[in-house]
N, C-alpha and C. Protein backbone atom coordinates (compact mmCIF):
# COMPACT_ATOMS: atom_id res chain seq x y z
N MET A 1 5.32 -7.96 -27.73
CA MET A 1 6.79 -7.94 -27.72
C MET A 1 7.27 -6.47 -27.72
N ALA A 2 8.19 -6.13 -26.80
CA ALA A 2 8.71 -4.78 -26.73
C ALA A 2 9.54 -4.45 -27.96
N GLN A 3 9.40 -3.23 -28.43
CA GLN A 3 10.17 -2.80 -29.59
C GLN A 3 11.61 -2.52 -29.18
N THR A 4 12.53 -2.66 -30.14
CA THR A 4 13.93 -2.37 -29.89
C THR A 4 14.10 -0.93 -29.44
N GLY A 5 14.83 -0.69 -28.37
CA GLY A 5 15.06 0.65 -27.88
C GLY A 5 14.01 1.13 -26.91
N LYS A 6 12.93 0.38 -26.72
CA LYS A 6 11.89 0.76 -25.78
C LYS A 6 12.23 0.22 -24.39
N TYR A 7 12.28 1.10 -23.41
CA TYR A 7 12.66 0.69 -22.06
C TYR A 7 11.60 -0.23 -21.47
N ASP A 8 12.03 -1.36 -20.93
CA ASP A 8 11.13 -2.33 -20.31
C ASP A 8 11.66 -2.64 -18.91
N VAL A 9 10.97 -2.14 -17.89
CA VAL A 9 11.45 -2.29 -16.52
C VAL A 9 11.60 -3.76 -16.13
N LYS A 10 10.79 -4.64 -16.70
CA LYS A 10 10.87 -6.06 -16.36
C LYS A 10 12.18 -6.67 -16.82
N ARG A 11 12.80 -6.07 -17.84
CA ARG A 11 14.09 -6.55 -18.33
C ARG A 11 15.26 -5.83 -17.69
N GLU A 12 15.04 -4.58 -17.31
CA GLU A 12 16.14 -3.74 -16.86
C GLU A 12 16.46 -3.87 -15.37
N LEU A 13 15.46 -4.15 -14.55
CA LEU A 13 15.70 -4.17 -13.10
C LEU A 13 15.59 -5.60 -12.56
N PRO A 14 16.60 -6.05 -11.82
CA PRO A 14 16.60 -7.42 -11.28
C PRO A 14 15.41 -7.72 -10.37
N CYS A 15 14.84 -6.70 -9.73
CA CYS A 15 13.74 -6.95 -8.80
C CYS A 15 12.46 -7.36 -9.52
N TYR A 16 12.45 -7.29 -10.85
CA TYR A 16 11.27 -7.72 -11.62
C TYR A 16 11.44 -9.14 -12.15
N SER A 17 12.38 -9.88 -11.59
CA SER A 17 12.48 -11.31 -11.87
C SER A 17 12.82 -11.99 -10.55
N ALA A 18 12.37 -13.23 -10.41
CA ALA A 18 12.60 -13.94 -9.16
C ALA A 18 12.66 -15.44 -9.44
N PRO A 19 13.39 -16.19 -8.62
CA PRO A 19 13.49 -17.63 -8.82
C PRO A 19 12.23 -18.34 -8.35
N ARG A 20 11.89 -19.41 -9.03
CA ARG A 20 10.77 -20.23 -8.60
C ARG A 20 11.29 -21.35 -7.70
N GLY A 21 10.60 -21.59 -6.62
CA GLY A 21 10.96 -22.72 -5.77
C GLY A 21 11.95 -22.40 -4.66
N ARG A 22 12.42 -21.17 -4.60
CA ARG A 22 13.31 -20.79 -3.51
C ARG A 22 13.18 -19.30 -3.25
N PHE A 23 13.61 -18.86 -2.08
CA PHE A 23 13.54 -17.46 -1.70
C PHE A 23 14.88 -16.78 -1.96
N GLU A 24 14.84 -15.57 -2.44
CA GLU A 24 16.03 -14.80 -2.77
C GLU A 24 15.98 -13.47 -2.03
N VAL A 25 17.09 -13.11 -1.38
CA VAL A 25 17.19 -11.82 -0.69
C VAL A 25 17.82 -10.82 -1.65
N ILE A 26 17.13 -9.69 -1.88
CA ILE A 26 17.61 -8.68 -2.82
C ILE A 26 17.47 -7.29 -2.20
N ASP A 27 18.08 -6.32 -2.84
CA ASP A 27 17.91 -4.91 -2.47
C ASP A 27 17.11 -4.24 -3.58
N VAL A 28 15.91 -3.77 -3.24
CA VAL A 28 15.03 -3.13 -4.21
C VAL A 28 15.30 -1.63 -4.20
N PRO A 29 15.59 -1.02 -5.35
CA PRO A 29 15.84 0.42 -5.38
C PRO A 29 14.56 1.22 -5.16
N GLU A 30 14.73 2.48 -4.82
CA GLU A 30 13.57 3.37 -4.71
C GLU A 30 12.99 3.58 -6.11
N LEU A 31 11.68 3.40 -6.23
CA LEU A 31 11.02 3.50 -7.53
C LEU A 31 9.78 4.37 -7.42
N ALA A 32 9.36 4.91 -8.56
CA ALA A 32 8.18 5.77 -8.62
C ALA A 32 6.98 4.96 -9.12
N TYR A 33 5.81 5.25 -8.54
CA TYR A 33 4.59 4.54 -8.91
C TYR A 33 3.40 5.49 -8.95
N CYS A 34 2.41 5.12 -9.74
CA CYS A 34 1.07 5.65 -9.57
C CYS A 34 0.34 4.65 -8.68
N MET A 35 -0.41 5.15 -7.70
CA MET A 35 -1.01 4.30 -6.67
C MET A 35 -2.46 4.66 -6.41
N VAL A 36 -3.23 3.64 -6.01
CA VAL A 36 -4.61 3.84 -5.53
C VAL A 36 -4.81 2.91 -4.33
N ASP A 37 -5.40 3.44 -3.25
CA ASP A 37 -5.65 2.66 -2.04
C ASP A 37 -7.08 2.13 -1.99
N GLY A 38 -7.24 1.00 -1.28
CA GLY A 38 -8.58 0.47 -1.09
C GLY A 38 -8.58 -0.64 -0.05
N HIS A 39 -9.77 -1.23 0.16
CA HIS A 39 -9.92 -2.29 1.16
C HIS A 39 -10.95 -3.29 0.69
N GLY A 40 -10.72 -4.57 1.04
CA GLY A 40 -11.71 -5.60 0.76
C GLY A 40 -11.26 -6.60 -0.28
N ASP A 41 -12.11 -7.58 -0.49
CA ASP A 41 -11.84 -8.68 -1.41
C ASP A 41 -11.71 -8.15 -2.83
N PRO A 42 -10.55 -8.32 -3.47
CA PRO A 42 -10.38 -7.81 -4.84
C PRO A 42 -11.28 -8.51 -5.85
N ASN A 43 -11.82 -9.68 -5.50
CA ASN A 43 -12.70 -10.40 -6.42
C ASN A 43 -14.13 -9.85 -6.40
N SER A 44 -14.46 -9.09 -5.38
CA SER A 44 -15.84 -8.62 -5.27
C SER A 44 -15.99 -7.12 -5.01
N ALA A 45 -14.91 -6.42 -4.68
CA ALA A 45 -15.00 -4.99 -4.37
C ALA A 45 -14.99 -4.17 -5.66
N PRO A 46 -16.07 -3.44 -5.98
CA PRO A 46 -16.11 -2.64 -7.21
C PRO A 46 -14.98 -1.61 -7.27
N GLU A 47 -14.59 -1.10 -6.10
CA GLU A 47 -13.53 -0.08 -6.09
C GLU A 47 -12.19 -0.65 -6.55
N TYR A 48 -12.01 -1.97 -6.38
CA TYR A 48 -10.77 -2.59 -6.86
C TYR A 48 -10.71 -2.55 -8.38
N VAL A 49 -11.79 -2.94 -9.02
CA VAL A 49 -11.83 -2.91 -10.48
C VAL A 49 -11.63 -1.48 -10.99
N ALA A 50 -12.28 -0.52 -10.34
CA ALA A 50 -12.14 0.88 -10.75
C ALA A 50 -10.71 1.37 -10.56
N ALA A 51 -10.07 0.93 -9.48
CA ALA A 51 -8.70 1.35 -9.21
C ALA A 51 -7.75 0.85 -10.29
N VAL A 52 -7.90 -0.42 -10.68
CA VAL A 52 -7.03 -0.99 -11.70
C VAL A 52 -7.24 -0.29 -13.04
N GLU A 53 -8.50 -0.06 -13.41
CA GLU A 53 -8.79 0.65 -14.66
C GLU A 53 -8.18 2.04 -14.65
N ALA A 54 -8.26 2.72 -13.50
CA ALA A 54 -7.71 4.08 -13.39
C ALA A 54 -6.19 4.07 -13.53
N LEU A 55 -5.54 3.10 -12.92
CA LEU A 55 -4.09 3.03 -12.99
C LEU A 55 -3.61 2.82 -14.43
N TYR A 56 -4.28 1.94 -15.15
CA TYR A 56 -3.88 1.72 -16.54
C TYR A 56 -4.18 2.95 -17.40
N ALA A 57 -5.30 3.61 -17.15
CA ALA A 57 -5.63 4.80 -17.92
C ALA A 57 -4.58 5.90 -17.73
N VAL A 58 -4.18 6.10 -16.47
CA VAL A 58 -3.15 7.12 -16.19
C VAL A 58 -1.81 6.69 -16.76
N SER A 59 -1.45 5.43 -16.60
CA SER A 59 -0.13 4.95 -17.05
C SER A 59 0.02 5.05 -18.56
N TYR A 60 -1.02 4.72 -19.30
CA TYR A 60 -0.92 4.83 -20.76
C TYR A 60 -0.95 6.28 -21.21
N SER A 61 -1.69 7.11 -20.50
CA SER A 61 -1.67 8.54 -20.81
C SER A 61 -0.27 9.11 -20.61
N ALA A 62 0.39 8.72 -19.50
CA ALA A 62 1.75 9.19 -19.22
C ALA A 62 2.74 8.67 -20.27
N LYS A 63 2.56 7.42 -20.67
CA LYS A 63 3.45 6.83 -21.69
C LYS A 63 3.35 7.62 -22.99
N PHE A 64 2.13 7.94 -23.42
CA PHE A 64 1.95 8.67 -24.68
C PHE A 64 2.51 10.08 -24.57
N GLN A 65 2.34 10.72 -23.41
CA GLN A 65 2.92 12.05 -23.21
C GLN A 65 4.44 12.00 -23.23
N SER A 66 5.01 10.98 -22.61
CA SER A 66 6.46 10.83 -22.59
C SER A 66 7.00 10.68 -24.01
N LYS A 67 6.33 9.88 -24.81
CA LYS A 67 6.77 9.66 -26.18
C LYS A 67 6.63 10.93 -27.01
N ARG A 68 5.53 11.62 -26.81
CA ARG A 68 5.24 12.81 -27.62
C ARG A 68 6.08 14.01 -27.18
N GLU A 69 6.18 14.26 -25.88
CA GLU A 69 6.82 15.47 -25.39
C GLU A 69 8.31 15.30 -25.08
N LEU A 70 8.70 14.08 -24.68
CA LEU A 70 10.09 13.85 -24.27
C LEU A 70 10.85 12.95 -25.23
N ASP A 71 10.14 12.40 -26.22
CA ASP A 71 10.73 11.47 -27.18
C ASP A 71 11.37 10.28 -26.47
N ARG A 72 10.70 9.82 -25.42
CA ARG A 72 11.18 8.64 -24.68
C ARG A 72 10.01 7.67 -24.53
N ASP A 73 10.19 6.48 -25.07
CA ASP A 73 9.13 5.48 -25.05
C ASP A 73 9.51 4.35 -24.10
N TYR A 74 8.50 3.66 -23.58
CA TYR A 74 8.74 2.57 -22.65
C TYR A 74 7.52 1.67 -22.62
N VAL A 75 7.72 0.47 -22.09
CA VAL A 75 6.64 -0.48 -21.89
C VAL A 75 5.98 -0.18 -20.55
N VAL A 76 4.67 -0.02 -20.54
CA VAL A 76 3.96 0.21 -19.27
C VAL A 76 4.24 -0.98 -18.34
N GLY A 77 4.55 -0.68 -17.11
CA GLY A 77 4.92 -1.72 -16.15
C GLY A 77 3.75 -2.62 -15.78
N PRO A 78 4.05 -3.74 -15.15
CA PRO A 78 2.99 -4.65 -14.72
C PRO A 78 2.21 -4.08 -13.55
N LEU A 79 1.01 -4.58 -13.36
CA LEU A 79 0.23 -4.23 -12.18
C LEU A 79 0.92 -4.83 -10.96
N GLU A 80 0.92 -4.05 -9.87
CA GLU A 80 1.51 -4.51 -8.62
C GLU A 80 0.57 -4.18 -7.47
N GLY A 81 0.73 -4.87 -6.36
CA GLY A 81 -0.11 -4.60 -5.20
C GLY A 81 0.65 -4.69 -3.90
N LEU A 82 0.40 -3.73 -3.00
CA LEU A 82 0.87 -3.80 -1.63
C LEU A 82 -0.33 -4.22 -0.78
N TRP A 83 -0.14 -5.24 0.04
CA TRP A 83 -1.25 -5.80 0.80
C TRP A 83 -0.93 -5.80 2.29
N SER A 84 -1.94 -5.51 3.09
CA SER A 84 -1.75 -5.52 4.54
C SER A 84 -3.05 -5.95 5.21
N ALA A 85 -2.92 -6.39 6.46
CA ALA A 85 -4.06 -6.80 7.28
C ALA A 85 -3.67 -6.72 8.73
N ASP A 86 -4.64 -6.57 9.60
CA ASP A 86 -4.35 -6.52 11.03
C ASP A 86 -3.69 -7.82 11.48
N ASP A 87 -4.08 -8.93 10.86
CA ASP A 87 -3.50 -10.24 11.16
C ASP A 87 -2.86 -10.79 9.89
N PRO A 88 -1.52 -10.82 9.80
CA PRO A 88 -0.85 -11.33 8.59
C PRO A 88 -1.25 -12.76 8.23
N ALA A 89 -1.77 -13.51 9.20
CA ALA A 89 -2.17 -14.89 8.91
C ALA A 89 -3.29 -14.96 7.89
N THR A 90 -4.03 -13.85 7.71
CA THR A 90 -5.13 -13.87 6.73
C THR A 90 -4.62 -14.01 5.30
N PHE A 91 -3.34 -13.73 5.08
CA PHE A 91 -2.78 -13.96 3.74
C PHE A 91 -2.61 -15.45 3.48
N VAL A 92 -2.31 -16.19 4.51
CA VAL A 92 -2.16 -17.63 4.39
C VAL A 92 -3.53 -18.30 4.29
N THR A 93 -4.49 -17.83 5.11
CA THR A 93 -5.82 -18.42 5.10
C THR A 93 -6.70 -17.86 3.99
N ARG A 94 -6.24 -16.81 3.31
CA ARG A 94 -6.93 -16.19 2.16
C ARG A 94 -8.25 -15.55 2.57
N GLU A 95 -8.30 -14.92 3.74
CA GLU A 95 -9.48 -14.18 4.18
C GLU A 95 -9.42 -12.77 3.56
N LYS A 96 -9.84 -12.69 2.31
CA LYS A 96 -9.61 -11.51 1.51
C LYS A 96 -10.40 -10.28 1.95
N SER A 97 -11.51 -10.50 2.61
CA SER A 97 -12.31 -9.35 3.05
C SER A 97 -11.58 -8.54 4.11
N ALA A 98 -10.55 -9.13 4.73
CA ALA A 98 -9.80 -8.44 5.78
C ALA A 98 -8.61 -7.66 5.24
N TRP A 99 -8.39 -7.71 3.93
CA TRP A 99 -7.19 -7.12 3.36
C TRP A 99 -7.38 -5.66 2.97
N SER A 100 -6.35 -4.88 3.21
CA SER A 100 -6.25 -3.53 2.64
C SER A 100 -5.20 -3.58 1.55
N TRP A 101 -5.40 -2.78 0.49
CA TRP A 101 -4.49 -2.87 -0.65
C TRP A 101 -4.15 -1.49 -1.20
N THR A 102 -2.98 -1.44 -1.80
CA THR A 102 -2.57 -0.30 -2.61
C THR A 102 -2.14 -0.89 -3.95
N MET A 103 -2.96 -0.68 -4.97
CA MET A 103 -2.60 -1.15 -6.30
C MET A 103 -1.76 -0.07 -6.97
N MET A 104 -0.80 -0.48 -7.79
CA MET A 104 0.13 0.50 -8.35
C MET A 104 0.78 0.00 -9.63
N ILE A 105 1.28 0.94 -10.40
CA ILE A 105 2.03 0.65 -11.62
C ILE A 105 3.27 1.53 -11.64
N TRP A 106 4.41 0.89 -11.89
CA TRP A 106 5.70 1.60 -11.95
C TRP A 106 5.66 2.71 -13.01
N GLN A 107 6.39 3.81 -12.71
CA GLN A 107 6.57 4.91 -13.67
C GLN A 107 8.06 5.22 -13.79
N PRO A 108 8.54 5.51 -15.00
CA PRO A 108 9.98 5.78 -15.17
C PRO A 108 10.42 7.05 -14.46
N ASP A 109 11.69 7.07 -14.07
CA ASP A 109 12.23 8.19 -13.29
C ASP A 109 12.20 9.51 -14.03
N TRP A 110 12.16 9.47 -15.35
CA TRP A 110 12.22 10.74 -16.08
C TRP A 110 10.86 11.46 -16.14
N LEU A 111 9.80 10.83 -15.68
CA LEU A 111 8.50 11.51 -15.65
C LEU A 111 8.47 12.47 -14.47
N THR A 112 8.05 13.69 -14.71
CA THR A 112 7.95 14.69 -13.65
C THR A 112 6.57 14.62 -12.99
N PRO A 113 6.46 15.09 -11.76
CA PRO A 113 5.14 15.13 -11.12
C PRO A 113 4.13 15.93 -11.95
N GLU A 114 4.61 16.97 -12.63
CA GLU A 114 3.71 17.79 -13.44
C GLU A 114 3.16 17.01 -14.62
N LEU A 115 4.00 16.21 -15.27
CA LEU A 115 3.54 15.41 -16.40
C LEU A 115 2.54 14.36 -15.92
N VAL A 116 2.81 13.72 -14.79
CA VAL A 116 1.89 12.71 -14.28
C VAL A 116 0.57 13.35 -13.86
N ALA A 117 0.63 14.54 -13.25
CA ALA A 117 -0.60 15.24 -12.87
C ALA A 117 -1.46 15.53 -14.09
N GLU A 118 -0.82 15.92 -15.18
CA GLU A 118 -1.55 16.17 -16.42
C GLU A 118 -2.15 14.86 -16.96
N SER A 119 -1.41 13.77 -16.83
CA SER A 119 -1.91 12.47 -17.27
C SER A 119 -3.12 12.04 -16.45
N ILE A 120 -3.07 12.30 -15.15
CA ILE A 120 -4.21 11.98 -14.29
C ILE A 120 -5.43 12.78 -14.70
N SER A 121 -5.22 14.06 -14.98
CA SER A 121 -6.33 14.91 -15.40
C SER A 121 -6.96 14.42 -16.70
N LYS A 122 -6.13 14.04 -17.65
CA LYS A 122 -6.64 13.54 -18.92
C LYS A 122 -7.35 12.20 -18.77
N ALA A 123 -6.81 11.34 -17.94
CA ALA A 123 -7.39 10.01 -17.77
C ALA A 123 -8.73 10.05 -17.06
N THR A 124 -8.97 11.07 -16.24
CA THR A 124 -10.21 11.15 -15.47
C THR A 124 -11.43 11.21 -16.38
N ALA A 125 -11.26 11.74 -17.59
CA ALA A 125 -12.38 11.82 -18.53
C ALA A 125 -12.89 10.43 -18.90
N LYS A 126 -11.98 9.45 -18.98
CA LYS A 126 -12.37 8.08 -19.36
C LYS A 126 -12.56 7.19 -18.14
N ALA A 127 -11.80 7.44 -17.10
CA ALA A 127 -11.86 6.61 -15.89
C ALA A 127 -11.98 7.55 -14.68
N PRO A 128 -13.21 7.84 -14.23
CA PRO A 128 -13.40 8.81 -13.14
C PRO A 128 -12.57 8.52 -11.90
N ALA A 129 -12.29 7.24 -11.64
CA ALA A 129 -11.50 6.90 -10.44
C ALA A 129 -10.06 7.36 -10.55
N ALA A 130 -9.65 7.82 -11.73
CA ALA A 130 -8.27 8.32 -11.90
C ALA A 130 -7.99 9.50 -10.97
N ARG A 131 -9.05 10.17 -10.55
CA ARG A 131 -8.84 11.31 -9.63
C ARG A 131 -8.26 10.85 -8.30
N LEU A 132 -8.38 9.54 -8.00
CA LEU A 132 -7.86 8.99 -6.75
C LEU A 132 -6.39 8.57 -6.87
N VAL A 133 -5.85 8.60 -8.08
CA VAL A 133 -4.47 8.17 -8.29
C VAL A 133 -3.50 9.20 -7.73
N ARG A 134 -2.47 8.71 -7.08
CA ARG A 134 -1.41 9.60 -6.60
C ARG A 134 -0.07 9.10 -7.14
N PHE A 135 0.88 10.01 -7.23
CA PHE A 135 2.22 9.72 -7.74
C PHE A 135 3.17 9.76 -6.56
N GLU A 136 3.85 8.64 -6.31
CA GLU A 136 4.65 8.54 -5.08
C GLU A 136 5.84 7.62 -5.30
N ARG A 137 6.89 7.84 -4.53
CA ARG A 137 8.06 6.99 -4.58
C ARG A 137 8.02 6.01 -3.41
N LEU A 138 8.54 4.81 -3.66
CA LEU A 138 8.55 3.77 -2.65
C LEU A 138 9.95 3.19 -2.55
N ALA A 139 10.49 3.15 -1.34
CA ALA A 139 11.82 2.59 -1.09
C ALA A 139 11.66 1.37 -0.19
N GLU A 140 11.72 0.17 -0.76
CA GLU A 140 11.54 -1.05 0.02
C GLU A 140 12.86 -1.58 0.56
N GLY A 141 13.95 -1.38 -0.17
CA GLY A 141 15.24 -1.84 0.33
C GLY A 141 15.34 -3.36 0.38
N ARG A 142 15.98 -3.87 1.46
CA ARG A 142 16.20 -5.31 1.59
C ARG A 142 14.86 -6.06 1.62
N SER A 143 14.74 -7.04 0.74
CA SER A 143 13.48 -7.79 0.60
C SER A 143 13.78 -9.24 0.27
N VAL A 144 12.80 -10.09 0.54
CA VAL A 144 12.85 -11.49 0.13
C VAL A 144 11.76 -11.69 -0.91
N GLN A 145 12.08 -12.38 -2.00
CA GLN A 145 11.06 -12.64 -2.99
C GLN A 145 11.24 -14.00 -3.65
N THR A 146 10.15 -14.46 -4.27
CA THR A 146 10.14 -15.72 -5.00
C THR A 146 9.09 -15.61 -6.09
N LEU A 147 9.15 -16.51 -7.05
CA LEU A 147 8.16 -16.53 -8.14
C LEU A 147 7.13 -17.62 -7.84
N HIS A 148 5.88 -17.21 -7.83
CA HIS A 148 4.78 -18.16 -7.65
C HIS A 148 4.14 -18.43 -9.01
N LEU A 149 4.03 -19.69 -9.37
CA LEU A 149 3.37 -20.08 -10.61
C LEU A 149 2.05 -20.74 -10.26
N GLY A 150 0.95 -20.16 -10.75
CA GLY A 150 -0.36 -20.74 -10.48
C GLY A 150 -1.35 -19.72 -9.97
N SER A 151 -2.49 -20.21 -9.52
CA SER A 151 -3.57 -19.36 -9.03
C SER A 151 -3.13 -18.54 -7.82
N TYR A 152 -3.68 -17.33 -7.73
CA TYR A 152 -3.39 -16.49 -6.56
C TYR A 152 -3.84 -17.19 -5.28
N ASP A 153 -4.91 -17.97 -5.35
CA ASP A 153 -5.43 -18.63 -4.16
C ASP A 153 -4.53 -19.76 -3.67
N ASP A 154 -3.52 -20.11 -4.46
CA ASP A 154 -2.59 -21.16 -4.05
C ASP A 154 -1.30 -20.61 -3.45
N GLU A 155 -1.28 -19.31 -3.15
CA GLU A 155 -0.07 -18.69 -2.61
C GLU A 155 0.15 -19.03 -1.13
N GLY A 156 -0.90 -19.46 -0.44
CA GLY A 156 -0.83 -19.64 1.01
C GLY A 156 0.34 -20.47 1.51
N PRO A 157 0.57 -21.68 0.97
CA PRO A 157 1.70 -22.48 1.47
C PRO A 157 3.06 -21.83 1.29
N THR A 158 3.24 -21.12 0.17
CA THR A 158 4.51 -20.43 -0.05
C THR A 158 4.70 -19.32 0.96
N LEU A 159 3.64 -18.56 1.22
CA LEU A 159 3.73 -17.48 2.20
C LEU A 159 3.95 -18.04 3.60
N ALA A 160 3.35 -19.17 3.89
CA ALA A 160 3.56 -19.79 5.21
C ALA A 160 5.03 -20.17 5.39
N ARG A 161 5.64 -20.73 4.34
CA ARG A 161 7.07 -21.08 4.43
C ARG A 161 7.93 -19.84 4.59
N LEU A 162 7.57 -18.77 3.87
CA LEU A 162 8.33 -17.53 3.98
C LEU A 162 8.24 -16.95 5.38
N HIS A 163 7.01 -16.84 5.91
CA HIS A 163 6.79 -16.19 7.20
C HIS A 163 7.27 -17.04 8.38
N ASP A 164 7.03 -18.36 8.30
CA ASP A 164 7.23 -19.22 9.47
C ASP A 164 8.55 -19.98 9.45
N GLU A 165 9.18 -20.09 8.29
CA GLU A 165 10.41 -20.88 8.20
C GLU A 165 11.59 -20.03 7.72
N PHE A 166 11.48 -19.46 6.51
CA PHE A 166 12.64 -18.78 5.94
C PHE A 166 13.03 -17.54 6.75
N MET A 167 12.09 -16.65 7.01
CA MET A 167 12.43 -15.42 7.72
C MET A 167 12.98 -15.68 9.12
N PRO A 168 12.34 -16.50 9.94
CA PRO A 168 12.93 -16.78 11.26
C PRO A 168 14.29 -17.47 11.15
N GLY A 169 14.43 -18.35 10.17
CA GLY A 169 15.70 -19.07 10.00
C GLY A 169 16.84 -18.16 9.60
N GLU A 170 16.52 -17.05 8.90
CA GLU A 170 17.53 -16.10 8.46
C GLU A 170 17.66 -14.91 9.40
N GLY A 171 16.92 -14.93 10.49
CA GLY A 171 16.97 -13.82 11.45
C GLY A 171 16.38 -12.54 10.90
N LEU A 172 15.26 -12.66 10.20
CA LEU A 172 14.63 -11.52 9.56
C LEU A 172 13.23 -11.29 10.12
N ARG A 173 12.80 -10.02 10.07
CA ARG A 173 11.45 -9.66 10.49
C ARG A 173 10.77 -8.84 9.39
N PHE A 174 9.45 -8.68 9.51
CA PHE A 174 8.70 -7.87 8.55
C PHE A 174 9.15 -6.41 8.63
N ASN A 175 9.27 -5.77 7.46
CA ASN A 175 9.67 -4.37 7.42
C ASN A 175 8.95 -3.65 6.28
N GLY A 176 7.67 -3.92 6.17
CA GLY A 176 6.90 -3.30 5.09
C GLY A 176 5.77 -4.24 4.67
N ARG A 177 4.95 -3.78 3.76
CA ARG A 177 3.76 -4.51 3.34
C ARG A 177 4.11 -5.61 2.34
N HIS A 178 3.33 -6.68 2.40
CA HIS A 178 3.45 -7.76 1.41
C HIS A 178 3.24 -7.17 0.02
N HIS A 179 4.12 -7.53 -0.92
CA HIS A 179 4.14 -6.92 -2.25
C HIS A 179 4.00 -8.04 -3.29
N GLU A 180 3.10 -7.85 -4.25
CA GLU A 180 2.95 -8.80 -5.34
C GLU A 180 3.11 -8.07 -6.67
N VAL A 181 3.83 -8.70 -7.59
CA VAL A 181 4.03 -8.17 -8.94
C VAL A 181 3.40 -9.17 -9.90
N TYR A 182 2.39 -8.72 -10.64
CA TYR A 182 1.61 -9.62 -11.48
C TYR A 182 2.17 -9.62 -12.90
N LEU A 183 2.96 -10.66 -13.20
CA LEU A 183 3.59 -10.76 -14.51
C LEU A 183 2.65 -11.36 -15.54
N GLY A 184 1.55 -11.94 -15.10
CA GLY A 184 0.57 -12.51 -16.01
C GLY A 184 -0.74 -11.74 -15.93
N ASP A 185 -1.49 -11.73 -17.02
CA ASP A 185 -2.77 -11.05 -17.07
C ASP A 185 -3.87 -12.08 -16.81
N PRO A 186 -4.57 -12.01 -15.66
CA PRO A 186 -5.58 -13.02 -15.35
C PRO A 186 -6.73 -13.05 -16.34
N ARG A 187 -6.91 -11.97 -17.11
CA ARG A 187 -7.98 -11.94 -18.11
C ARG A 187 -7.64 -12.80 -19.32
N ARG A 188 -6.34 -13.09 -19.52
CA ARG A 188 -5.93 -13.80 -20.72
C ARG A 188 -5.11 -15.06 -20.42
N THR A 189 -4.86 -15.32 -19.15
CA THR A 189 -3.98 -16.43 -18.77
C THR A 189 -4.72 -17.42 -17.88
N ALA A 190 -4.55 -18.69 -18.16
CA ALA A 190 -5.14 -19.73 -17.31
C ALA A 190 -4.57 -19.62 -15.90
N PRO A 191 -5.39 -19.83 -14.87
CA PRO A 191 -4.91 -19.67 -13.48
C PRO A 191 -3.64 -20.44 -13.18
N GLU A 192 -3.51 -21.65 -13.72
CA GLU A 192 -2.33 -22.47 -13.41
C GLU A 192 -1.06 -21.94 -14.07
N LYS A 193 -1.19 -20.97 -14.99
CA LYS A 193 -0.03 -20.42 -15.69
C LYS A 193 0.31 -19.00 -15.26
N LEU A 194 -0.43 -18.45 -14.31
CA LEU A 194 -0.16 -17.10 -13.84
C LEU A 194 1.20 -17.05 -13.14
N ARG A 195 1.95 -15.97 -13.38
CA ARG A 195 3.27 -15.79 -12.79
C ARG A 195 3.23 -14.55 -11.91
N THR A 196 3.53 -14.73 -10.62
CA THR A 196 3.45 -13.64 -9.66
C THR A 196 4.69 -13.62 -8.79
N ILE A 197 5.35 -12.47 -8.72
CA ILE A 197 6.45 -12.30 -7.77
C ILE A 197 5.86 -11.97 -6.41
N LEU A 198 6.22 -12.76 -5.41
CA LEU A 198 5.81 -12.52 -4.03
C LEU A 198 7.00 -11.92 -3.29
N ARG A 199 6.83 -10.73 -2.76
CA ARG A 199 7.95 -10.00 -2.13
C ARG A 199 7.58 -9.54 -0.73
N GLN A 200 8.55 -9.64 0.17
CA GLN A 200 8.36 -9.14 1.53
C GLN A 200 9.57 -8.32 1.96
N PRO A 201 9.42 -7.00 2.16
CA PRO A 201 10.52 -6.22 2.73
C PRO A 201 10.85 -6.71 4.14
N VAL A 202 12.14 -6.76 4.43
CA VAL A 202 12.58 -7.34 5.71
C VAL A 202 13.67 -6.48 6.34
N ALA A 203 13.93 -6.77 7.62
CA ALA A 203 15.03 -6.13 8.36
C ALA A 203 15.54 -7.17 9.35
N PRO A 204 16.76 -6.99 9.88
CA PRO A 204 17.24 -7.92 10.89
C PRO A 204 16.31 -7.99 12.09
N ALA A 205 16.07 -9.21 12.57
CA ALA A 205 15.17 -9.39 13.72
C ALA A 205 15.81 -8.85 14.99
């Protein structure tokens, strides 16, 4: 439970909540993230596990520095992923070996690049892959999103409706990578109870 006065991006920004069972068109503000790139099945690629560990190591290091040096505390953001493939249909068919990914964790606007660079340096001692982390801003803008409840492998039908029905029906086209926000921790949550925001940046067709 977040402490009183501690900034929690999941509570403060509308883009960190989404309706279940329907698609919602929103405007996502430009946000800062720590990011790591990779390719392949996240269930079997060792670099995926290393990337996630590195992101959390850097994010908690930055949080502690912010509290200590800036007297500003916050809840570390959820894990997020940008996903792409040469054939978008592989997201529906779940051909994970064909996927490229950028895993990332939100960082508050008051963190400077210098503070994050120091956090990366400190985190590398515990998580060597932290050296691959970069600090970058992402502006997705107009997007469609929904809340998926259940296993990640059950996302296919929802994505098929988004890609093949909702977007064409609304006169929208792809305008960025498929984005997932993981509100549940798969290490501690039953697959059927996982909560994931599925987001797709869009533009007029």
